[in-house]
N, C-alpha and C. Protein backbone atom coordinates (compact mmCIF):
# COMPACT_ATOMS: atom_id res chain seq x y z
N UNK A 1 -9.69 10.47 38.67
CA UNK A 1 -9.14 9.62 37.63
C UNK A 1 -10.11 8.51 37.26
N UNK A 2 -10.85 7.97 38.21
CA UNK A 2 -11.67 6.82 37.86
C UNK A 2 -13.13 7.04 38.22
N UNK A 3 -13.97 6.26 37.59
CA UNK A 3 -15.39 6.29 37.92
C UNK A 3 -15.59 5.51 39.21
N UNK A 4 -16.66 5.80 39.96
CA UNK A 4 -16.84 5.15 41.25
C UNK A 4 -17.04 3.64 41.17
N UNK A 5 -17.47 3.11 40.05
CA UNK A 5 -17.76 1.68 39.97
C UNK A 5 -16.55 0.83 39.59
N UNK A 6 -15.41 1.42 39.41
CA UNK A 6 -14.22 0.64 39.07
C UNK A 6 -13.71 -0.08 40.33
N UNK A 7 -13.47 -1.38 40.25
CA UNK A 7 -12.94 -2.11 41.41
C UNK A 7 -11.55 -1.57 41.81
N UNK A 8 -11.23 -1.74 43.08
CA UNK A 8 -9.94 -1.23 43.60
C UNK A 8 -8.75 -1.81 42.85
N UNK A 9 -8.79 -3.09 42.53
CA UNK A 9 -7.66 -3.70 41.83
C UNK A 9 -7.48 -3.11 40.44
N UNK A 10 -8.56 -2.72 39.80
CA UNK A 10 -8.48 -2.09 38.48
C UNK A 10 -7.91 -0.69 38.62
N UNK A 11 -8.34 0.04 39.64
CA UNK A 11 -7.83 1.39 39.87
C UNK A 11 -6.33 1.36 40.16
N UNK A 12 -5.90 0.40 40.98
CA UNK A 12 -4.46 0.27 41.27
C UNK A 12 -3.67 -0.06 40.01
N UNK A 13 -4.20 -0.95 39.20
CA UNK A 13 -3.50 -1.31 37.97
C UNK A 13 -3.44 -0.12 37.01
N UNK A 14 -4.51 0.66 36.96
CA UNK A 14 -4.52 1.85 36.10
C UNK A 14 -3.46 2.85 36.55
N UNK A 15 -3.34 3.05 37.86
CA UNK A 15 -2.32 3.96 38.37
C UNK A 15 -0.92 3.45 38.02
N UNK A 16 -0.74 2.14 38.08
CA UNK A 16 0.55 1.54 37.71
C UNK A 16 0.83 1.76 36.22
N UNK A 17 -0.18 1.64 35.38
CA UNK A 17 -0.01 1.86 33.94
C UNK A 17 0.41 3.30 33.67
N UNK A 18 -0.21 4.24 34.37
CA UNK A 18 0.14 5.66 34.18
C UNK A 18 1.59 5.90 34.59
N UNK A 19 2.00 5.33 35.73
CA UNK A 19 3.40 5.49 36.17
C UNK A 19 4.37 4.91 35.14
N UNK A 20 4.05 3.74 34.61
CA UNK A 20 4.92 3.12 33.61
C UNK A 20 4.96 3.95 32.33
N UNK A 21 3.83 4.54 31.93
CA UNK A 21 3.80 5.38 30.73
C UNK A 21 4.65 6.63 30.94
N UNK A 22 4.51 7.26 32.11
CA UNK A 22 5.28 8.48 32.39
C UNK A 22 6.78 8.19 32.45
N UNK A 23 7.15 6.99 32.89
CA UNK A 23 8.57 6.60 32.95
C UNK A 23 9.10 6.16 31.59
N UNK A 24 8.22 6.03 30.60
CA UNK A 24 8.65 5.64 29.27
C UNK A 24 8.76 4.14 29.05
N UNK A 25 8.24 3.35 29.99
CA UNK A 25 8.33 1.89 29.87
C UNK A 25 7.29 1.31 28.93
N UNK A 26 6.14 1.98 28.80
CA UNK A 26 5.11 1.53 27.86
C UNK A 26 4.68 2.72 27.02
N UNK A 27 4.09 2.44 25.88
CA UNK A 27 3.65 3.48 24.96
C UNK A 27 2.14 3.46 24.84
N UNK A 28 1.56 4.65 24.82
CA UNK A 28 0.11 4.77 24.64
C UNK A 28 -0.20 4.78 23.15
N UNK A 29 -1.39 4.35 22.82
CA UNK A 29 -1.86 4.43 21.44
C UNK A 29 -2.62 5.73 21.26
N UNK A 30 -2.72 6.19 20.05
CA UNK A 30 -3.52 7.37 19.73
C UNK A 30 -4.76 6.93 18.96
N UNK A 31 -5.90 7.54 19.32
CA UNK A 31 -7.12 7.24 18.57
C UNK A 31 -7.00 7.88 17.20
N UNK A 32 -7.63 7.28 16.23
CA UNK A 32 -7.49 7.72 14.85
C UNK A 32 -8.13 9.09 14.63
N UNK A 33 -9.37 9.24 15.06
CA UNK A 33 -10.11 10.46 14.72
C UNK A 33 -9.67 11.68 15.52
N UNK A 34 -9.58 11.54 16.84
CA UNK A 34 -9.33 12.71 17.69
C UNK A 34 -7.91 12.80 18.22
N UNK A 35 -7.13 11.75 18.09
CA UNK A 35 -5.75 11.77 18.57
C UNK A 35 -5.62 11.65 20.08
N UNK A 36 -6.65 11.12 20.76
CA UNK A 36 -6.57 10.90 22.20
C UNK A 36 -5.55 9.80 22.50
N UNK A 37 -4.95 9.86 23.68
CA UNK A 37 -4.06 8.79 24.13
C UNK A 37 -4.89 7.73 24.85
N UNK A 38 -4.57 6.47 24.62
CA UNK A 38 -5.26 5.39 25.31
C UNK A 38 -4.25 4.36 25.81
N UNK A 39 -4.55 3.81 26.97
CA UNK A 39 -3.78 2.72 27.55
C UNK A 39 -4.75 1.61 27.92
N UNK A 40 -4.40 0.39 27.59
CA UNK A 40 -5.22 -0.76 27.95
C UNK A 40 -4.84 -1.20 29.36
N UNK A 41 -5.80 -1.24 30.25
CA UNK A 41 -5.56 -1.68 31.63
C UNK A 41 -5.80 -3.18 31.72
N UNK A 42 -6.97 -3.62 31.29
CA UNK A 42 -7.34 -5.03 31.18
C UNK A 42 -8.18 -5.15 29.92
N UNK A 43 -8.61 -6.35 29.55
CA UNK A 43 -9.49 -6.44 28.38
C UNK A 43 -10.80 -5.66 28.53
N UNK A 44 -11.20 -5.36 29.78
CA UNK A 44 -12.48 -4.69 30.00
C UNK A 44 -12.36 -3.24 30.46
N UNK A 45 -11.15 -2.73 30.65
CA UNK A 45 -10.94 -1.37 31.15
C UNK A 45 -9.87 -0.66 30.35
N UNK A 46 -10.09 0.64 30.10
CA UNK A 46 -9.15 1.47 29.34
C UNK A 46 -8.92 2.80 30.06
N UNK A 47 -7.74 3.35 29.85
CA UNK A 47 -7.44 4.71 30.28
C UNK A 47 -7.48 5.60 29.05
N UNK A 48 -8.11 6.77 29.18
CA UNK A 48 -8.24 7.71 28.06
C UNK A 48 -7.77 9.08 28.52
N UNK A 49 -6.92 9.71 27.71
CA UNK A 49 -6.48 11.07 27.98
C UNK A 49 -6.79 11.93 26.76
N UNK A 50 -7.50 13.01 27.00
CA UNK A 50 -7.86 13.94 25.92
C UNK A 50 -6.88 15.11 25.84
N UNK A 51 -5.92 15.18 26.78
CA UNK A 51 -5.00 16.33 26.83
C UNK A 51 -3.53 15.89 26.85
N UNK A 52 -3.21 14.92 26.02
CA UNK A 52 -1.83 14.44 25.87
C UNK A 52 -1.20 13.93 27.16
N UNK A 53 -1.99 13.32 28.03
CA UNK A 53 -1.45 12.65 29.20
C UNK A 53 -1.45 13.44 30.49
N UNK A 54 -1.95 14.66 30.49
CA UNK A 54 -2.01 15.42 31.75
C UNK A 54 -3.04 14.82 32.70
N UNK A 55 -4.21 14.48 32.17
CA UNK A 55 -5.29 13.90 32.97
C UNK A 55 -5.75 12.62 32.29
N UNK A 56 -6.01 11.61 33.09
CA UNK A 56 -6.45 10.31 32.58
C UNK A 56 -7.80 9.97 33.16
N UNK A 57 -8.62 9.31 32.37
CA UNK A 57 -9.94 8.86 32.79
C UNK A 57 -10.01 7.35 32.63
N UNK A 58 -10.41 6.66 33.69
CA UNK A 58 -10.56 5.21 33.65
C UNK A 58 -11.97 4.88 33.21
N UNK A 59 -12.08 4.15 32.10
CA UNK A 59 -13.38 3.83 31.52
C UNK A 59 -13.52 2.33 31.30
N UNK A 60 -14.74 1.84 31.47
CA UNK A 60 -15.01 0.47 31.06
C UNK A 60 -14.88 0.42 29.54
N UNK A 61 -14.73 -0.76 29.00
CA UNK A 61 -14.56 -0.88 27.55
C UNK A 61 -15.78 -0.32 26.82
N UNK A 62 -16.98 -0.56 27.35
CA UNK A 62 -18.21 -0.05 26.71
C UNK A 62 -18.24 1.47 26.74
N UNK A 63 -17.91 2.08 27.90
CA UNK A 63 -17.87 3.54 27.99
C UNK A 63 -16.79 4.12 27.09
N UNK A 64 -15.66 3.46 27.03
CA UNK A 64 -14.56 3.88 26.16
C UNK A 64 -15.01 3.91 24.70
N UNK A 65 -15.70 2.87 24.27
CA UNK A 65 -16.18 2.83 22.89
C UNK A 65 -17.16 3.95 22.60
N UNK A 66 -17.96 4.36 23.58
CA UNK A 66 -18.89 5.47 23.39
C UNK A 66 -18.18 6.81 23.36
N UNK A 67 -17.03 6.93 24.00
CA UNK A 67 -16.29 8.19 24.07
C UNK A 67 -15.49 8.49 22.81
N UNK A 68 -15.00 7.45 22.16
CA UNK A 68 -14.14 7.71 21.00
C UNK A 68 -14.86 7.58 19.71
């Protein structure tokens, strides 16, 4: 789910965001061009799913911008 350089507290928060999304407590945004799902973890970290939420990737904001 995450890259090796993500701090533990960010990884834990990302896992919490995924649980909340699966429970329907928060809503993911869709990217305009490709329709990927995204969740904001912190101002510097994002979760990205290319398969409608089956698998999530934790990315820094800079890596996220390069992916979408």
